[in-house]
Every structure is written in C-alpha cells, then in structure tokens.
N, C-alpha and C. Protein backbone atom coordinates (compact mmCIF):
# COMPACT_ATOMS: atom_id res chain seq x y z
N UNK A 1 17.95 55.34 -11.03
CA UNK A 1 18.26 56.76 -10.85
C UNK A 1 19.60 57.08 -11.48
N UNK A 2 20.67 56.32 -11.24
CA UNK A 2 21.95 56.57 -11.83
C UNK A 2 21.89 56.46 -13.35
N UNK A 3 21.11 55.53 -13.84
CA UNK A 3 21.01 55.45 -15.29
C UNK A 3 20.41 56.63 -15.93
N UNK A 4 19.44 57.25 -15.27
CA UNK A 4 18.82 58.51 -15.81
C UNK A 4 19.84 59.65 -15.74
N UNK A 5 20.59 59.70 -14.69
CA UNK A 5 21.68 60.75 -14.63
C UNK A 5 22.66 60.61 -15.76
N UNK A 6 23.08 59.32 -15.95
CA UNK A 6 24.00 59.03 -17.11
C UNK A 6 23.42 59.43 -18.39
N UNK A 7 22.11 59.10 -18.61
CA UNK A 7 21.45 59.45 -19.84
C UNK A 7 21.43 60.88 -20.03
N UNK A 8 21.19 61.69 -19.01
CA UNK A 8 21.15 63.18 -19.11
C UNK A 8 22.55 63.65 -19.50
N UNK A 9 23.59 63.11 -18.97
CA UNK A 9 24.96 63.53 -19.32
C UNK A 9 25.24 63.16 -20.76
N UNK A 10 24.86 62.00 -21.20
CA UNK A 10 25.05 61.58 -22.60
C UNK A 10 24.31 62.52 -23.50
N UNK A 11 23.13 62.83 -23.18
CA UNK A 11 22.31 63.77 -24.04
C UNK A 11 22.93 65.17 -24.08
N UNK A 12 23.41 65.63 -22.97
CA UNK A 12 24.05 66.92 -22.96
C UNK A 12 25.34 66.95 -23.74
N UNK A 13 26.13 65.88 -23.62
CA UNK A 13 27.36 65.75 -24.36
C UNK A 13 27.09 65.74 -25.89
N UNK A 14 26.09 64.98 -26.27
CA UNK A 14 25.73 64.90 -27.73
C UNK A 14 25.26 66.30 -28.22
N UNK A 15 24.45 66.95 -27.43
CA UNK A 15 23.94 68.30 -27.85
C UNK A 15 25.07 69.31 -27.94
N UNK A 16 25.99 69.26 -26.96
CA UNK A 16 27.13 70.21 -27.00
C UNK A 16 28.01 69.95 -28.19
N UNK A 17 28.30 68.67 -28.46
CA UNK A 17 29.15 68.36 -29.66
C UNK A 17 28.43 68.78 -30.96
N UNK A 18 27.12 68.54 -31.01
CA UNK A 18 26.36 68.98 -32.20
C UNK A 18 26.43 70.49 -32.42
N UNK A 19 26.34 71.21 -31.32
CA UNK A 19 26.37 72.72 -31.38
C UNK A 19 27.74 73.17 -31.79
N UNK A 20 28.81 72.68 -31.15
CA UNK A 20 30.16 73.16 -31.47
C UNK A 20 30.51 72.81 -32.91
N UNK A 21 30.22 71.59 -33.30
CA UNK A 21 30.60 71.17 -34.68
C UNK A 21 29.72 71.95 -35.70
N UNK A 22 28.45 72.18 -35.41
CA UNK A 22 27.59 72.91 -36.33
C UNK A 22 27.89 74.34 -36.47
N UNK A 23 28.67 74.94 -35.53
CA UNK A 23 28.93 76.35 -35.56
C UNK A 23 30.15 76.67 -36.45
N UNK A 24 30.79 75.66 -36.98
CA UNK A 24 31.98 75.93 -37.74
C UNK A 24 31.87 75.30 -39.13
N UNK A 25 32.49 75.90 -40.12
CA UNK A 25 32.53 75.29 -41.43
C UNK A 25 33.72 74.36 -41.48
N UNK A 26 33.46 73.14 -41.95
CA UNK A 26 34.51 72.09 -42.01
C UNK A 26 34.91 71.86 -43.45
N UNK A 27 36.14 71.51 -43.65
CA UNK A 27 36.64 71.15 -45.01
C UNK A 27 35.95 69.90 -45.55
N UNK A 28 35.82 68.93 -44.66
CA UNK A 28 35.19 67.65 -45.13
C UNK A 28 34.24 67.16 -44.07
N UNK A 29 33.31 66.33 -44.43
CA UNK A 29 32.39 65.72 -43.52
C UNK A 29 33.11 64.78 -42.50
N UNK A 30 34.16 64.20 -42.99
CA UNK A 30 34.99 63.32 -42.09
C UNK A 30 35.62 64.08 -40.98
N UNK A 31 36.12 65.34 -41.23
CA UNK A 31 36.65 66.18 -40.15
C UNK A 31 35.60 66.50 -39.15
N UNK A 32 34.44 66.87 -39.61
CA UNK A 32 33.31 67.23 -38.72
C UNK A 32 32.91 66.06 -37.84
N UNK A 33 32.83 64.90 -38.42
CA UNK A 33 32.46 63.68 -37.73
C UNK A 33 33.50 63.35 -36.68
N UNK A 34 34.76 63.42 -37.04
CA UNK A 34 35.86 63.10 -36.13
C UNK A 34 35.87 64.09 -34.96
N UNK A 35 35.65 65.37 -35.22
CA UNK A 35 35.68 66.34 -34.17
C UNK A 35 34.49 66.14 -33.22
N UNK A 36 33.32 65.84 -33.83
CA UNK A 36 32.11 65.53 -32.97
C UNK A 36 32.44 64.39 -32.04
N UNK A 37 33.05 63.35 -32.56
CA UNK A 37 33.38 62.16 -31.65
C UNK A 37 34.33 62.51 -30.60
N UNK A 38 35.33 63.32 -30.92
CA UNK A 38 36.31 63.73 -29.88
C UNK A 38 35.63 64.56 -28.82
N UNK A 39 34.82 65.48 -29.16
CA UNK A 39 34.11 66.35 -28.16
C UNK A 39 33.22 65.48 -27.32
N UNK A 40 32.41 64.62 -27.97
CA UNK A 40 31.43 63.80 -27.25
C UNK A 40 32.09 62.91 -26.28
N UNK A 41 33.11 62.18 -26.67
CA UNK A 41 33.76 61.18 -25.77
C UNK A 41 34.63 61.92 -24.71
N UNK A 42 35.18 63.04 -25.01
CA UNK A 42 35.93 63.78 -24.04
C UNK A 42 34.96 64.27 -22.94
N UNK A 43 33.81 64.75 -23.25
CA UNK A 43 32.83 65.20 -22.29
C UNK A 43 32.39 63.99 -21.42
N UNK A 44 32.14 62.91 -21.99
CA UNK A 44 31.73 61.75 -21.25
C UNK A 44 32.85 61.32 -20.28
N UNK A 45 34.09 61.32 -20.72
CA UNK A 45 35.22 60.90 -19.86
C UNK A 45 35.36 61.90 -18.70
N UNK A 46 35.08 63.18 -18.91
CA UNK A 46 35.17 64.12 -17.85
C UNK A 46 34.07 63.99 -16.81
N UNK A 47 32.88 63.77 -17.31
CA UNK A 47 31.71 63.77 -16.46
C UNK A 47 31.34 62.39 -15.88
N UNK A 48 31.80 61.37 -16.50
CA UNK A 48 31.54 59.95 -16.06
C UNK A 48 32.86 59.19 -16.02
N UNK A 49 33.82 59.59 -15.26
CA UNK A 49 35.17 58.96 -15.34
C UNK A 49 35.11 57.45 -14.90
N UNK A 50 34.14 57.09 -14.06
CA UNK A 50 34.12 55.71 -13.61
C UNK A 50 33.07 54.87 -14.30
N UNK A 51 32.44 55.38 -15.31
CA UNK A 51 31.41 54.62 -16.01
C UNK A 51 32.05 53.52 -16.88
N UNK A 52 31.36 52.42 -16.86
CA UNK A 52 31.81 51.28 -17.70
C UNK A 52 31.32 51.48 -19.11
N UNK A 53 32.16 51.08 -20.06
CA UNK A 53 31.83 51.26 -21.49
C UNK A 53 30.52 50.47 -21.77
N UNK A 54 30.31 49.32 -21.14
CA UNK A 54 29.10 48.52 -21.39
C UNK A 54 27.91 49.34 -21.00
N UNK A 55 27.95 50.05 -19.87
CA UNK A 55 26.83 50.87 -19.38
C UNK A 55 26.56 51.94 -20.37
N UNK A 56 27.58 52.60 -20.84
CA UNK A 56 27.43 53.71 -21.79
C UNK A 56 26.83 53.22 -23.12
N UNK A 57 27.25 52.07 -23.51
CA UNK A 57 26.74 51.50 -24.82
C UNK A 57 25.21 51.19 -24.71
N UNK A 58 24.74 50.80 -23.57
CA UNK A 58 23.31 50.58 -23.40
C UNK A 58 22.51 51.89 -23.56
N UNK A 59 23.14 52.94 -23.11
CA UNK A 59 22.45 54.25 -23.24
C UNK A 59 22.51 54.73 -24.71
N UNK A 60 23.64 54.48 -25.37
CA UNK A 60 23.79 54.94 -26.76
C UNK A 60 22.99 54.15 -27.77
N UNK A 61 22.73 52.91 -27.47
CA UNK A 61 22.06 52.03 -28.46
C UNK A 61 20.57 52.27 -28.51
C-alpha cells in the first residue's frame, strides 16, 4: 500500500515538473533539465520527507 502511495507521489512530481518546465522557453536544454530535476526532487522531499533513497530508486527504475 505505501509503495503505491509513493509511486503516486513520484508520478505527480514528475508530471508537475514536466508541466512547469514545458511552459517556459529555456536558453539551453541543460537549463531545462536542471530545473526539472530541482522541481522533481524538491517535491519528493516535501511530500516524502522520511523516504529512503533506496526505496525511491526502486520506484524510479
């Protein structure tokens, strides 16, 4: 059950980062990628503060 909740949060974080980054024109692809990563990991840290990195990696892989 908890794994599914975590998966839902990861999916929502990814979708939110995709939407925010996609809504803006970026100077370089590297800037867009970096901002996507910042938004994604910030959302995970806020919503899953006690999650282990190993658990998150199993969801991401």
